[in-house]
C-alpha atoms as a PDB file:
ATOM      1  CA  MET A   1     -13.673  -5.840  -1.939  1.00  0.00           C
ATOM      2  CA  LYS A   2     -11.758  -4.094   0.823  1.00  0.00           C
ATOM      3  CA  LYS A   3      -9.494  -0.944   0.365  1.00  0.00           C
ATOM      4  CA  ARG A   4      -7.745   1.095   2.368  1.00  0.00           C
ATOM      5  CA  TYR A   5      -7.102   4.794   1.892  1.00  0.00           C
ATOM      6  CA  ALA A   6      -4.808   7.653   3.822  1.00  0.00           C
ATOM      7  CA  ILE A   7      -6.799  10.510   5.339  1.00  0.00           C
ATOM      8  CA  VAL A   8      -5.651  13.960   6.411  1.00  0.00           C
ATOM      9  CA  VAL A   9      -8.085  14.902   9.430  1.00  0.00           C
ATOM     10  CA  ASP A  10      -7.191  17.223  12.403  1.00  0.00           C
ATOM     11  CA  CYS A  11      -9.928  15.758  15.309  1.00  0.00           C
ATOM     12  CA  ALA A  12     -11.370  12.203  16.457  1.00  0.00           C
ATOM     13  CA  ASN A  13     -14.963  13.822  15.945  1.00  0.00           C
ATOM     14  CA  CYS A  14     -14.331  14.832  12.153  1.00  0.00           C
ATOM     15  CA  ALA A  15     -12.808  11.252  11.898  1.00  0.00           C
ATOM     16  CA  ALA A  16     -16.243  10.047  13.291  1.00  0.00           C
ATOM     17  CA  LYS A  17     -18.005  12.292  11.247  1.00  0.00           C
ATOM     18  CA  MET A  18     -15.935  11.004   7.861  1.00  0.00           C
ATOM     19  CA  GLU A  19     -16.855   7.576   8.831  1.00  0.00           C
ATOM     20  CA  GLY A  20     -20.296   8.263   9.165  1.00  0.00           C
ATOM     21  CA  LEU A  21     -20.999  10.165   5.934  1.00  0.00           C
ATOM     22  CA  ALA A  22     -18.540   7.388   4.011  1.00  0.00           C
ATOM     23  CA  GLN A  23     -20.775   4.510   5.176  1.00  0.00           C
ATOM     24  CA  GLU A  24     -23.991   6.856   4.243  1.00  0.00           C
ATOM     25  CA  THR A  25     -22.521   6.705   0.533  1.00  0.00           C
ATOM     26  CA  PRO A  26     -23.795   4.459  -1.818  1.00  0.00           C
ATOM     27  CA  GLY A  27     -21.830   1.133  -2.805  1.00  0.00           C
ATOM     28  CA  VAL A  28     -20.244   1.484   0.490  1.00  0.00           C
ATOM     29  CA  LYS A  29     -20.963  -1.590   2.481  1.00  0.00           C
ATOM     30  CA  THR A  30     -19.135  -1.075   5.310  1.00  0.00           C
ATOM     31  CA  ALA A  31     -16.671   2.183   6.478  1.00  0.00           C
ATOM     32  CA  ALA A  32     -14.274   2.225   9.349  1.00  0.00           C
ATOM     33  CA  VAL A  33     -11.997   5.551   9.873  1.00  0.00           C
ATOM     34  CA  ASN A  34      -9.115   5.202  12.510  1.00  0.00           C
ATOM     35  CA  PHE A  35      -8.166   8.737  13.858  1.00  0.00           C
ATOM     36  CA  MET A  36      -4.513   7.504  15.135  1.00  0.00           C
ATOM     37  CA  THR A  37      -3.299   6.015  11.983  1.00  0.00           C
ATOM     38  CA  GLN A  38      -5.042   7.979   9.761  1.00  0.00           C
ATOM     39  CA  LYS A  39      -6.284   5.532   7.752  1.00  0.00           C
ATOM     40  CA  MET A  40     -10.014   4.489   5.997  1.00  0.00           C
ATOM     41  CA  ALA A  41     -10.673   0.983   5.308  1.00  0.00           C
ATOM     42  CA  ILE A  42     -13.794   1.115   2.971  1.00  0.00           C
ATOM     43  CA  GLU A  43     -15.387  -2.420   1.831  1.00  0.00           C
ATOM     44  CA  PHE A  44     -17.308  -2.079  -1.586  1.00  0.00           C
ATOM     45  CA  GLU A  45     -20.941  -3.278  -2.277  1.00  0.00           C
ATOM     46  CA  PRO A  46     -20.566  -6.512  -4.645  1.00  0.00           C
ATOM     47  CA  GLY A  47     -20.372  -4.921  -8.403  1.00  0.00           C
ATOM     48  CA  ALA A  48     -19.984  -1.685  -7.259  1.00  0.00           C
ATOM     49  CA  ASP A  49     -17.239   0.367  -8.944  1.00  0.00           C
ATOM     50  CA  ALA A  50     -14.518   1.442  -6.478  1.00  0.00           C
ATOM     51  CA  GLY A  51     -13.350   4.655  -8.412  1.00  0.00           C
ATOM     52  CA  THR A  52     -16.592   6.383  -8.353  1.00  0.00           C
ATOM     53  CA  VAL A  53     -17.596   5.406  -5.000  1.00  0.00           C
ATOM     54  CA  MET A  54     -14.920   7.026  -3.748  1.00  0.00           C
ATOM     55  CA  LYS A  55     -15.134   9.930  -5.658  1.00  0.00           C
ATOM     56  CA  ALA A  56     -17.975  10.173  -3.888  1.00  0.00           C
ATOM     57  CA  VAL A  57     -16.923   9.575  -0.554  1.00  0.00           C
ATOM     58  CA  LYS A  58     -14.111  11.940  -1.264  1.00  0.00           C
ATOM     59  CA  GLU A  59     -16.521  14.650  -1.981  1.00  0.00           C
ATOM     60  CA  ARG A  60     -18.538  14.053   1.361  1.00  0.00           C
ATOM     61  CA  CYS A  61     -15.920  13.477   3.728  1.00  0.00           C
ATOM     62  CA  GLU A  62     -14.018  16.639   2.819  1.00  0.00           C
ATOM     63  CA  LYS A  63     -16.886  18.967   3.485  1.00  0.00           C
ATOM     64  CA  VAL A  64     -16.244  17.988   7.144  1.00  0.00           C
ATOM     65  CA  ASP A  65     -13.474  20.508   7.658  1.00  0.00           C
ATOM     66  CA  ALA A  66     -11.413  22.936   5.569  1.00  0.00           C
ATOM     67  CA  GLU A  67      -8.477  20.631   6.275  1.00  0.00           C
ATOM     68  CA  ALA A  68      -9.735  17.034   5.895  1.00  0.00           C
ATOM     69  CA  GLN A  69      -8.627  15.054   2.717  1.00  0.00           C
ATOM     70  CA  VAL A  70      -9.191  11.678   1.458  1.00  0.00           C
ATOM     71  CA  LEU A  71      -6.529  10.618  -0.828  1.00  0.00           C
ATOM     72  CA  ILE A  72      -7.262   8.291  -3.483  1.00  0.00           C
END
Protein backbone atom coordinates (compact mmCIF):
# COMPACT_ATOMS: atom_id res chain seq x y z
CA MET A 1 0.00 0.00 0.00
CA LYS A 2 1.25 3.50 -0.85
CA LYS A 3 0.23 6.75 0.82
CA ARG A 4 1.25 10.41 0.61
CA TYR A 5 1.62 12.73 3.57
CA ALA A 6 2.13 16.47 3.85
CA ILE A 7 5.33 17.55 5.57
CA VAL A 8 6.79 20.81 6.80
CA VAL A 9 10.54 21.18 6.39
CA ASP A 10 12.71 24.27 5.85
CA CYS A 11 15.63 22.96 3.80
CA ALA A 12 16.44 20.29 1.24
CA ASN A 13 19.13 18.80 3.48
CA CYS A 14 16.62 18.21 6.27
CA ALA A 15 14.18 16.73 3.73
CA ALA A 16 16.88 14.26 2.65
CA LYS A 17 17.51 13.33 6.29
CA MET A 18 13.78 12.77 6.79
CA GLU A 19 13.70 10.50 3.74
CA GLY A 20 16.58 8.41 5.07
CA LEU A 21 15.02 8.06 8.50
CA ALA A 22 11.67 7.10 7.00
CA GLN A 23 13.32 4.45 4.81
CA GLU A 24 15.01 2.91 7.88
CA THR A 25 11.74 2.64 9.82
CA PRO A 26 10.48 -0.93 10.24
CA GLY A 27 7.39 -1.52 8.10
CA VAL A 28 8.44 0.95 5.37
CA LYS A 29 9.28 -0.61 2.02
CA THR A 30 10.17 2.67 0.28
CA ALA A 31 10.05 6.34 1.19
CA ALA A 32 10.51 9.46 -0.93
CA VAL A 33 10.43 13.08 0.19
CA ASN A 34 9.88 15.94 -2.24
CA PHE A 35 11.14 19.16 -0.69
CA MET A 36 9.55 21.39 -3.35
CA THR A 37 6.02 20.01 -2.90
CA GLN A 38 6.45 19.31 0.84
CA LYS A 39 5.19 15.73 0.42
CA MET A 40 6.35 12.35 1.65
CA ALA A 41 5.38 9.19 -0.23
CA ILE A 42 5.51 5.97 1.75
CA GLU A 43 5.08 2.42 0.50
CA PHE A 44 4.44 0.03 3.37
CA GLU A 45 5.65 -3.55 3.70
CA PRO A 46 2.91 -6.15 3.16
CA GLY A 47 0.97 -6.68 6.37
CA ALA A 48 2.33 -3.55 8.07
CA ASP A 49 -0.15 -1.38 9.96
CA ALA A 50 0.10 2.03 8.29
CA GLY A 51 -1.01 3.92 11.40
CA THR A 52 1.58 2.33 13.66
CA VAL A 53 4.35 2.68 11.10
CA MET A 54 3.55 6.35 10.46
CA LYS A 55 3.64 7.14 14.17
CA ALA A 56 7.20 5.81 14.21
CA VAL A 57 8.08 7.71 11.01
CA LYS A 58 6.64 10.93 12.46
CA GLU A 59 8.55 10.52 15.74
CA ARG A 60 11.86 9.88 13.96
CA CYS A 61 11.51 12.55 11.28
CA GLU A 62 10.45 15.35 13.60
CA LYS A 63 13.78 15.04 15.44
CA VAL A 64 15.63 16.27 12.32
CA ASP A 65 14.81 19.92 13.01
CA ALA A 66 12.73 21.89 15.49
CA GLU A 67 10.48 23.04 12.61
CA ALA A 68 10.12 19.63 10.87
CA GLN A 69 6.66 18.06 10.86
CA VAL A 70 4.96 15.06 9.32
CA LEU A 71 1.22 15.66 9.09
CA ILE A 72 -0.62 12.37 9.51
